[in-house]
PDB file of N, CA and C in Angstrom:
ATOM      1  N   MET A   1     -42.011  21.248 -46.237  1.00  0.00           N
ATOM      2  CA  MET A   1     -42.714  20.836 -45.049  1.00  0.00           C
ATOM      3  C   MET A   1     -43.497  19.560 -45.356  1.00  0.00           C
ATOM      4  N   ILE A   2     -43.604  18.720 -44.358  1.00  0.00           N
ATOM      5  CA  ILE A   2     -44.287  17.447 -44.503  1.00  0.00           C
ATOM      6  C   ILE A   2     -45.390  17.361 -43.454  1.00  0.00           C
ATOM      7  N   GLY A   3     -46.520  16.795 -43.845  1.00  0.00           N
ATOM      8  CA  GLY A   3     -47.637  16.643 -42.920  1.00  0.00           C
ATOM      9  C   GLY A   3     -48.600  15.581 -43.419  1.00  0.00           C
ATOM     10  N   TYR A   4     -49.854  15.711 -43.000  1.00  0.00           N
ATOM     11  CA  TYR A   4     -50.873  14.761 -43.438  1.00  0.00           C
ATOM     12  C   TYR A   4     -52.222  15.471 -43.547  1.00  0.00           C
ATOM     13  N   GLY A   5     -53.110  14.842 -44.278  1.00  0.00           N
ATOM     14  CA  GLY A   5     -54.448  15.379 -44.448  1.00  0.00           C
ATOM     15  C   GLY A   5     -55.477  14.315 -44.136  1.00  0.00           C
ATOM     16  N   LEU A   6     -56.706  14.766 -43.932  1.00  0.00           N
ATOM     17  CA  LEU A   6     -57.831  13.872 -43.676  1.00  0.00           C
ATOM     18  C   LEU A   6     -58.947  14.213 -44.650  1.00  0.00           C
ATOM     19  N   THR A   7     -59.583  13.177 -45.201  1.00  0.00           N
ATOM     20  CA  THR A   7     -60.703  13.407 -46.108  1.00  0.00           C
ATOM     21  C   THR A   7     -61.554  12.151 -46.171  1.00  0.00           C
ATOM     22  N   THR A   8     -62.660  12.221 -46.883  1.00  0.00           N
ATOM     23  CA  THR A   8     -63.501  11.046 -47.105  1.00  0.00           C
ATOM     24  C   THR A   8     -63.480  10.704 -48.587  1.00  0.00           C
ATOM     25  N   PHE A   9     -63.113   9.468 -48.901  1.00  0.00           N
ATOM     26  CA  PHE A   9     -63.128   8.984 -50.276  1.00  0.00           C
ATOM     27  C   PHE A   9     -64.311   8.049 -50.498  1.00  0.00           C
ATOM     28  N   HIS A  10     -64.705   7.340 -49.453  1.00  0.00           N
ATOM     29  CA  HIS A  10     -65.788   6.363 -49.541  1.00  0.00           C
ATOM     30  C   HIS A  10     -66.802   6.658 -48.442  1.00  0.00           C
ATOM     31  N   ALA A  11     -68.017   7.071 -48.847  1.00  0.00           N
ATOM     32  CA  ALA A  11     -69.105   7.378 -47.900  1.00  0.00           C
ATOM     33  C   ALA A  11     -68.607   8.354 -46.838  1.00  0.00           C
ATOM     34  N   ASN A  12     -68.716   8.007 -45.566  1.00  0.00           N
ATOM     35  CA  ASN A  12     -68.251   8.921 -44.519  1.00  0.00           C
ATOM     36  C   ASN A  12     -67.118   8.300 -43.693  1.00  0.00           C
ATOM     37  N   THR A  13     -66.309   7.459 -44.334  1.00  0.00           N
ATOM     38  CA  THR A  13     -65.113   6.894 -43.710  1.00  0.00           C
ATOM     39  C   THR A  13     -63.955   7.872 -43.878  1.00  0.00           C
ATOM     40  N   ILE A  14     -63.374   8.321 -42.770  1.00  0.00           N
ATOM     41  CA  ILE A  14     -62.268   9.280 -42.821  1.00  0.00           C
ATOM     42  C   ILE A  14     -60.965   8.545 -43.134  1.00  0.00           C
ATOM     43  N   SER A  15     -60.265   9.018 -44.155  1.00  0.00           N
ATOM     44  CA  SER A  15     -58.981   8.442 -44.572  1.00  0.00           C
ATOM     45  C   SER A  15     -57.871   9.465 -44.395  1.00  0.00           C
ATOM     46  N   ARG A  16     -56.703   8.975 -44.046  1.00  0.00           N
ATOM     47  CA  ARG A  16     -55.523   9.822 -43.872  1.00  0.00           C
ATOM     48  C   ARG A  16     -54.603   9.645 -45.084  1.00  0.00           C
ATOM     49  N   PHE A  17     -53.961  10.736 -45.504  1.00  0.00           N
ATOM     50  CA  PHE A  17     -52.982  10.686 -46.583  1.00  0.00           C
ATOM     51  C   PHE A  17     -51.840  11.625 -46.234  1.00  0.00           C
ATOM     52  N   ASP A  18     -50.668  11.354 -46.767  1.00  0.00           N
ATOM     53  CA  ASP A  18     -49.481  12.167 -46.495  1.00  0.00           C
ATOM     54  C   ASP A  18     -49.362  13.293 -47.513  1.00  0.00           C
ATOM     55  N   ILE A  19     -48.768  14.398 -47.097  1.00  0.00           N
ATOM     56  CA  ILE A  19     -48.538  15.528 -48.007  1.00  0.00           C
ATOM     57  C   ILE A  19     -47.125  16.071 -47.824  1.00  0.00           C
ATOM     58  N   LYS A  20     -46.640  16.680 -48.884  1.00  0.00           N
ATOM     59  CA  LYS A  20     -45.372  17.408 -48.837  1.00  0.00           C
ATOM     60  C   LYS A  20     -45.589  18.715 -49.583  1.00  0.00           C
ATOM     61  N   VAL A  21     -45.300  19.839 -48.938  1.00  0.00           N
ATOM     62  CA  VAL A  21     -45.415  21.146 -49.588  1.00  0.00           C
ATOM     63  C   VAL A  21     -44.263  21.272 -50.577  1.00  0.00           C
ATOM     64  N   ILE A  22     -44.607  21.522 -51.855  1.00  0.00           N
ATOM     65  CA  ILE A  22     -43.560  21.613 -52.875  1.00  0.00           C
ATOM     66  C   ILE A  22     -43.371  23.034 -53.405  1.00  0.00           C
ATOM     67  N   GLY A  23     -44.279  23.945 -53.031  1.00  0.00           N
ATOM     68  CA  GLY A  23     -44.103  25.323 -53.472  1.00  0.00           C
ATOM     69  C   GLY A  23     -45.242  26.219 -53.061  1.00  0.00           C
ATOM     70  N   ILE A  24     -45.000  27.515 -53.146  1.00  0.00           N
ATOM     71  CA  ILE A  24     -46.018  28.533 -52.861  1.00  0.00           C
ATOM     72  C   ILE A  24     -45.982  29.548 -53.993  1.00  0.00           C
ATOM     73  N   ILE A  25     -47.145  29.825 -54.555  1.00  0.00           N
ATOM     74  CA  ILE A  25     -47.258  30.843 -55.599  1.00  0.00           C
ATOM     75  C   ILE A  25     -47.922  32.052 -54.957  1.00  0.00           C
ATOM     76  N   LYS A  26     -47.205  33.149 -54.871  1.00  0.00           N
ATOM     77  CA  LYS A  26     -47.667  34.351 -54.180  1.00  0.00           C
ATOM     78  C   LYS A  26     -48.676  35.145 -55.021  1.00  0.00           C
ATOM     79  N   ASN A  27     -49.681  35.696 -54.348  1.00  0.00           N
ATOM     80  CA  ASN A  27     -50.659  36.630 -54.930  1.00  0.00           C
ATOM     81  C   ASN A  27     -51.216  36.190 -56.284  1.00  0.00           C
ATOM     82  N   THR A  28     -51.632  34.951 -56.380  1.00  0.00           N
ATOM     83  CA  THR A  28     -52.118  34.485 -57.673  1.00  0.00           C
ATOM     84  C   THR A  28     -53.613  34.227 -57.705  1.00  0.00           C
ATOM     85  N   ASN A  29     -54.226  34.019 -56.576  1.00  0.00           N
ATOM     86  CA  ASN A  29     -55.633  33.644 -56.500  1.00  0.00           C
ATOM     87  C   ASN A  29     -56.428  34.779 -55.857  1.00  0.00           C
ATOM     88  N   VAL A  30     -56.783  35.778 -56.638  1.00  0.00           N
ATOM     89  CA  VAL A  30     -57.504  36.966 -56.149  1.00  0.00           C
ATOM     90  C   VAL A  30     -56.766  37.559 -54.949  1.00  0.00           C
ATOM     91  N   GLY A  31     -55.460  37.711 -55.101  1.00  0.00           N
ATOM     92  CA  GLY A  31     -54.644  38.323 -54.054  1.00  0.00           C
ATOM     93  C   GLY A  31     -54.191  37.373 -52.963  1.00  0.00           C
ATOM     94  N   HIS A  32     -54.548  36.108 -53.052  1.00  0.00           N
ATOM     95  CA  HIS A  32     -54.146  35.117 -52.051  1.00  0.00           C
ATOM     96  C   HIS A  32     -53.049  34.220 -52.618  1.00  0.00           C
ATOM     97  N   ASP A  33     -52.302  33.609 -51.697  1.00  0.00           N
ATOM     98  CA  ASP A  33     -51.259  32.672 -52.103  1.00  0.00           C
ATOM     99  C   ASP A  33     -51.860  31.294 -52.365  1.00  0.00           C
ATOM    100  N   LEU A  34     -51.292  30.554 -53.301  1.00  0.00           N
ATOM    101  CA  LEU A  34     -51.642  29.155 -53.532  1.00  0.00           C
ATOM    102  C   LEU A  34     -50.509  28.291 -53.003  1.00  0.00           C
ATOM    103  N   ILE A  35     -50.846  27.285 -52.227  1.00  0.00           N
ATOM    104  CA  ILE A  35     -49.857  26.365 -51.680  1.00  0.00           C
ATOM    105  C   ILE A  35     -49.966  25.062 -52.467  1.00  0.00           C
ATOM    106  N   LEU A  36     -48.868  24.660 -53.089  1.00  0.00           N
ATOM    107  CA  LEU A  36     -48.847  23.442 -53.887  1.00  0.00           C
ATOM    108  C   LEU A  36     -48.333  22.294 -53.041  1.00  0.00           C
ATOM    109  N   VAL A  37     -49.089  21.198 -53.017  1.00  0.00           N
ATOM    110  CA  VAL A  37     -48.687  20.029 -52.238  1.00  0.00           C
ATOM    111  C   VAL A  37     -48.703  18.789 -53.107  1.00  0.00           C
ATOM    112  N   ARG A  38     -47.867  17.842 -52.752  1.00  0.00           N
ATOM    113  CA  ARG A  38     -47.876  16.516 -53.370  1.00  0.00           C
ATOM    114  C   ARG A  38     -48.483  15.573 -52.337  1.00  0.00           C
ATOM    115  N   MET A  39     -49.512  14.842 -52.741  1.00  0.00           N
ATOM    116  CA  MET A  39     -50.201  13.935 -51.833  1.00  0.00           C
ATOM    117  C   MET A  39     -49.875  12.494 -52.204  1.00  0.00           C
ATOM    118  N   HIS A  40     -49.772  11.640 -51.188  1.00  0.00           N
ATOM    119  CA  HIS A  40     -49.567  10.220 -51.439  1.00  0.00           C
ATOM    120  C   HIS A  40     -50.015   9.418 -50.229  1.00  0.00           C
ATOM    121  N   GLY A  41     -50.237   8.143 -50.465  1.00  0.00           N
ATOM    122  CA  GLY A  41     -50.679   7.253 -49.403  1.00  0.00           C
ATOM    123  C   GLY A  41     -52.178   7.064 -49.405  1.00  0.00           C
ATOM    124  N   GLY A  42     -52.631   6.005 -48.757  1.00  0.00           N
ATOM    125  CA  GLY A  42     -54.055   5.723 -48.636  1.00  0.00           C
ATOM    126  C   GLY A  42     -54.739   5.584 -49.986  1.00  0.00           C
ATOM    127  N   PRO A  43     -56.015   5.943 -50.067  1.00  0.00           N
ATOM    128  CA  PRO A  43     -56.774   5.813 -51.312  1.00  0.00           C
ATOM    129  C   PRO A  43     -56.197   6.618 -52.481  1.00  0.00           C
ATOM    130  N   ILE A  44     -55.450   7.688 -52.201  1.00  0.00           N
ATOM    131  CA  ILE A  44     -54.869   8.494 -53.281  1.00  0.00           C
ATOM    132  C   ILE A  44     -53.885   7.637 -54.088  1.00  0.00           C
ATOM    133  N   THR A  45     -53.000   6.919 -53.406  1.00  0.00           N
ATOM    134  CA  THR A  45     -52.028   6.063 -54.080  1.00  0.00           C
ATOM    135  C   THR A  45     -52.728   4.881 -54.748  1.00  0.00           C
ATOM    136  N   GLU A  46     -53.703   4.296 -54.067  1.00  0.00           N
ATOM    137  CA  GLU A  46     -54.418   3.142 -54.614  1.00  0.00           C
ATOM    138  C   GLU A  46     -55.142   3.489 -55.910  1.00  0.00           C
ATOM    139  N   ARG A  47     -55.697   4.700 -55.993  1.00  0.00           N
ATOM    140  CA  ARG A  47     -56.453   5.122 -57.170  1.00  0.00           C
ATOM    141  C   ARG A  47     -55.563   5.640 -58.288  1.00  0.00           C
ATOM    142  N   GLY A  48     -54.307   5.935 -57.997  1.00  0.00           N
ATOM    143  CA  GLY A  48     -53.423   6.503 -59.009  1.00  0.00           C
ATOM    144  C   GLY A  48     -53.860   7.902 -59.409  1.00  0.00           C
ATOM    145  N   ALA A  49     -54.435   8.640 -58.469  1.00  0.00           N
ATOM    146  CA  ALA A  49     -54.965   9.977 -58.750  1.00  0.00           C
ATOM    147  C   ALA A  49     -53.838  10.981 -58.950  1.00  0.00           C
ATOM    148  N   ASN A  50     -53.964  11.810 -59.963  1.00  0.00           N
ATOM    149  CA  ASN A  50     -52.998  12.876 -60.211  1.00  0.00           C
ATOM    150  C   ASN A  50     -53.551  14.239 -59.834  1.00  0.00           C
ATOM    151  N   LEU A  51     -54.850  14.398 -59.931  1.00  0.00           N
ATOM    152  CA  LEU A  51     -55.509  15.655 -59.606  1.00  0.00           C
ATOM    153  C   LEU A  51     -56.855  15.322 -58.991  1.00  0.00           C
ATOM    154  N   ILE A  52     -57.145  15.886 -57.839  1.00  0.00           N
ATOM    155  CA  ILE A  52     -58.383  15.570 -57.147  1.00  0.00           C
ATOM    156  C   ILE A  52     -59.154  16.857 -56.897  1.00  0.00           C
ATOM    157  N   HIS A  53     -60.397  16.897 -57.334  1.00  0.00           N
ATOM    158  CA  HIS A  53     -61.268  18.051 -57.130  1.00  0.00           C
ATOM    159  C   HIS A  53     -62.125  17.830 -55.889  1.00  0.00           C
ATOM    160  N   GLY A  54     -62.560  18.902 -55.265  1.00  0.00           N
ATOM    161  CA  GLY A  54     -63.504  18.821 -54.167  1.00  0.00           C
ATOM    162  C   GLY A  54     -62.904  18.507 -52.816  1.00  0.00           C
ATOM    163  N   MET A  55     -61.632  18.794 -52.609  1.00  0.00           N
ATOM    164  CA  MET A  55     -60.999  18.516 -51.324  1.00  0.00           C
ATOM    165  C   MET A  55     -60.762  19.792 -50.516  1.00  0.00           C
ATOM    166  N   SER A  56     -61.426  20.875 -50.862  1.00  0.00           N
ATOM    167  CA  SER A  56     -61.157  22.151 -50.193  1.00  0.00           C
ATOM    168  C   SER A  56     -61.529  22.130 -48.717  1.00  0.00           C
ATOM    169  N   GLY A  57     -62.410  21.238 -48.298  1.00  0.00           N
ATOM    170  CA  GLY A  57     -62.774  21.147 -46.890  1.00  0.00           C
ATOM    171  C   GLY A  57     -61.951  20.151 -46.112  1.00  0.00           C
ATOM    172  N   SER A  58     -60.960  19.549 -46.748  1.00  0.00           N
ATOM    173  CA  SER A  58     -60.138  18.530 -46.092  1.00  0.00           C
ATOM    174  C   SER A  58     -58.976  19.192 -45.360  1.00  0.00           C
ATOM    175  N   PRO A  59     -58.902  19.026 -44.029  1.00  0.00           N
ATOM    176  CA  PRO A  59     -57.839  19.695 -43.273  1.00  0.00           C
ATOM    177  C   PRO A  59     -56.471  19.079 -43.536  1.00  0.00           C
ATOM    178  N   ILE A  60     -55.453  19.932 -43.494  1.00  0.00           N
ATOM    179  CA  ILE A  60     -54.052  19.517 -43.623  1.00  0.00           C
ATOM    180  C   ILE A  60     -53.346  19.905 -42.324  1.00  0.00           C
ATOM    181  N   TYR A  61     -52.570  18.993 -41.780  1.00  0.00           N
ATOM    182  CA  TYR A  61     -51.848  19.229 -40.539  1.00  0.00           C
ATOM    183  C   TYR A  61     -50.350  19.173 -40.795  1.00  0.00           C
ATOM    184  N   ILE A  62     -49.639  20.196 -40.329  1.00  0.00           N
ATOM    185  CA  ILE A  62     -48.179  20.250 -40.402  1.00  0.00           C
ATOM    186  C   ILE A  62     -47.680  20.651 -39.020  1.00  0.00           C
ATOM    187  N   GLY A  63     -46.816  19.836 -38.460  1.00  0.00           N
ATOM    188  CA  GLY A  63     -46.289  20.139 -37.125  1.00  0.00           C
ATOM    189  C   GLY A  63     -47.370  20.178 -36.044  1.00  0.00           C
ATOM    190  N   GLY A  64     -48.405  19.361 -36.208  1.00  0.00           N
ATOM    191  CA  GLY A  64     -49.483  19.309 -35.229  1.00  0.00           C
ATOM    192  C   GLY A  64     -50.479  20.452 -35.310  1.00  0.00           C
ATOM    193  N   LYS A  65     -50.316  21.347 -36.294  1.00  0.00           N
ATOM    194  CA  LYS A  65     -51.227  22.489 -36.459  1.00  0.00           C
ATOM    195  C   LYS A  65     -51.954  22.384 -37.781  1.00  0.00           C
ATOM    196  N   ILE A  66     -53.178  22.891 -37.808  1.00  0.00           N
ATOM    197  CA  ILE A  66     -53.995  22.826 -39.011  1.00  0.00           C
ATOM    198  C   ILE A  66     -53.593  23.897 -40.009  1.00  0.00           C
TER     199      ILE A  66
END
């Protein structure tokens, strides 16, 4: 599945980035599933980031749904 996310990288400026779901690991996080995504575009690509912490509040949209 392909979609996009929104987050703030600089102050309170909202930036958009693209995502692609690459896998789901079932029942691994205290009985919850983990969804693995690959992110690219915007500040993520510019920074060359491989792993980003603190994005748990950043919404992801796929097919127009959150």
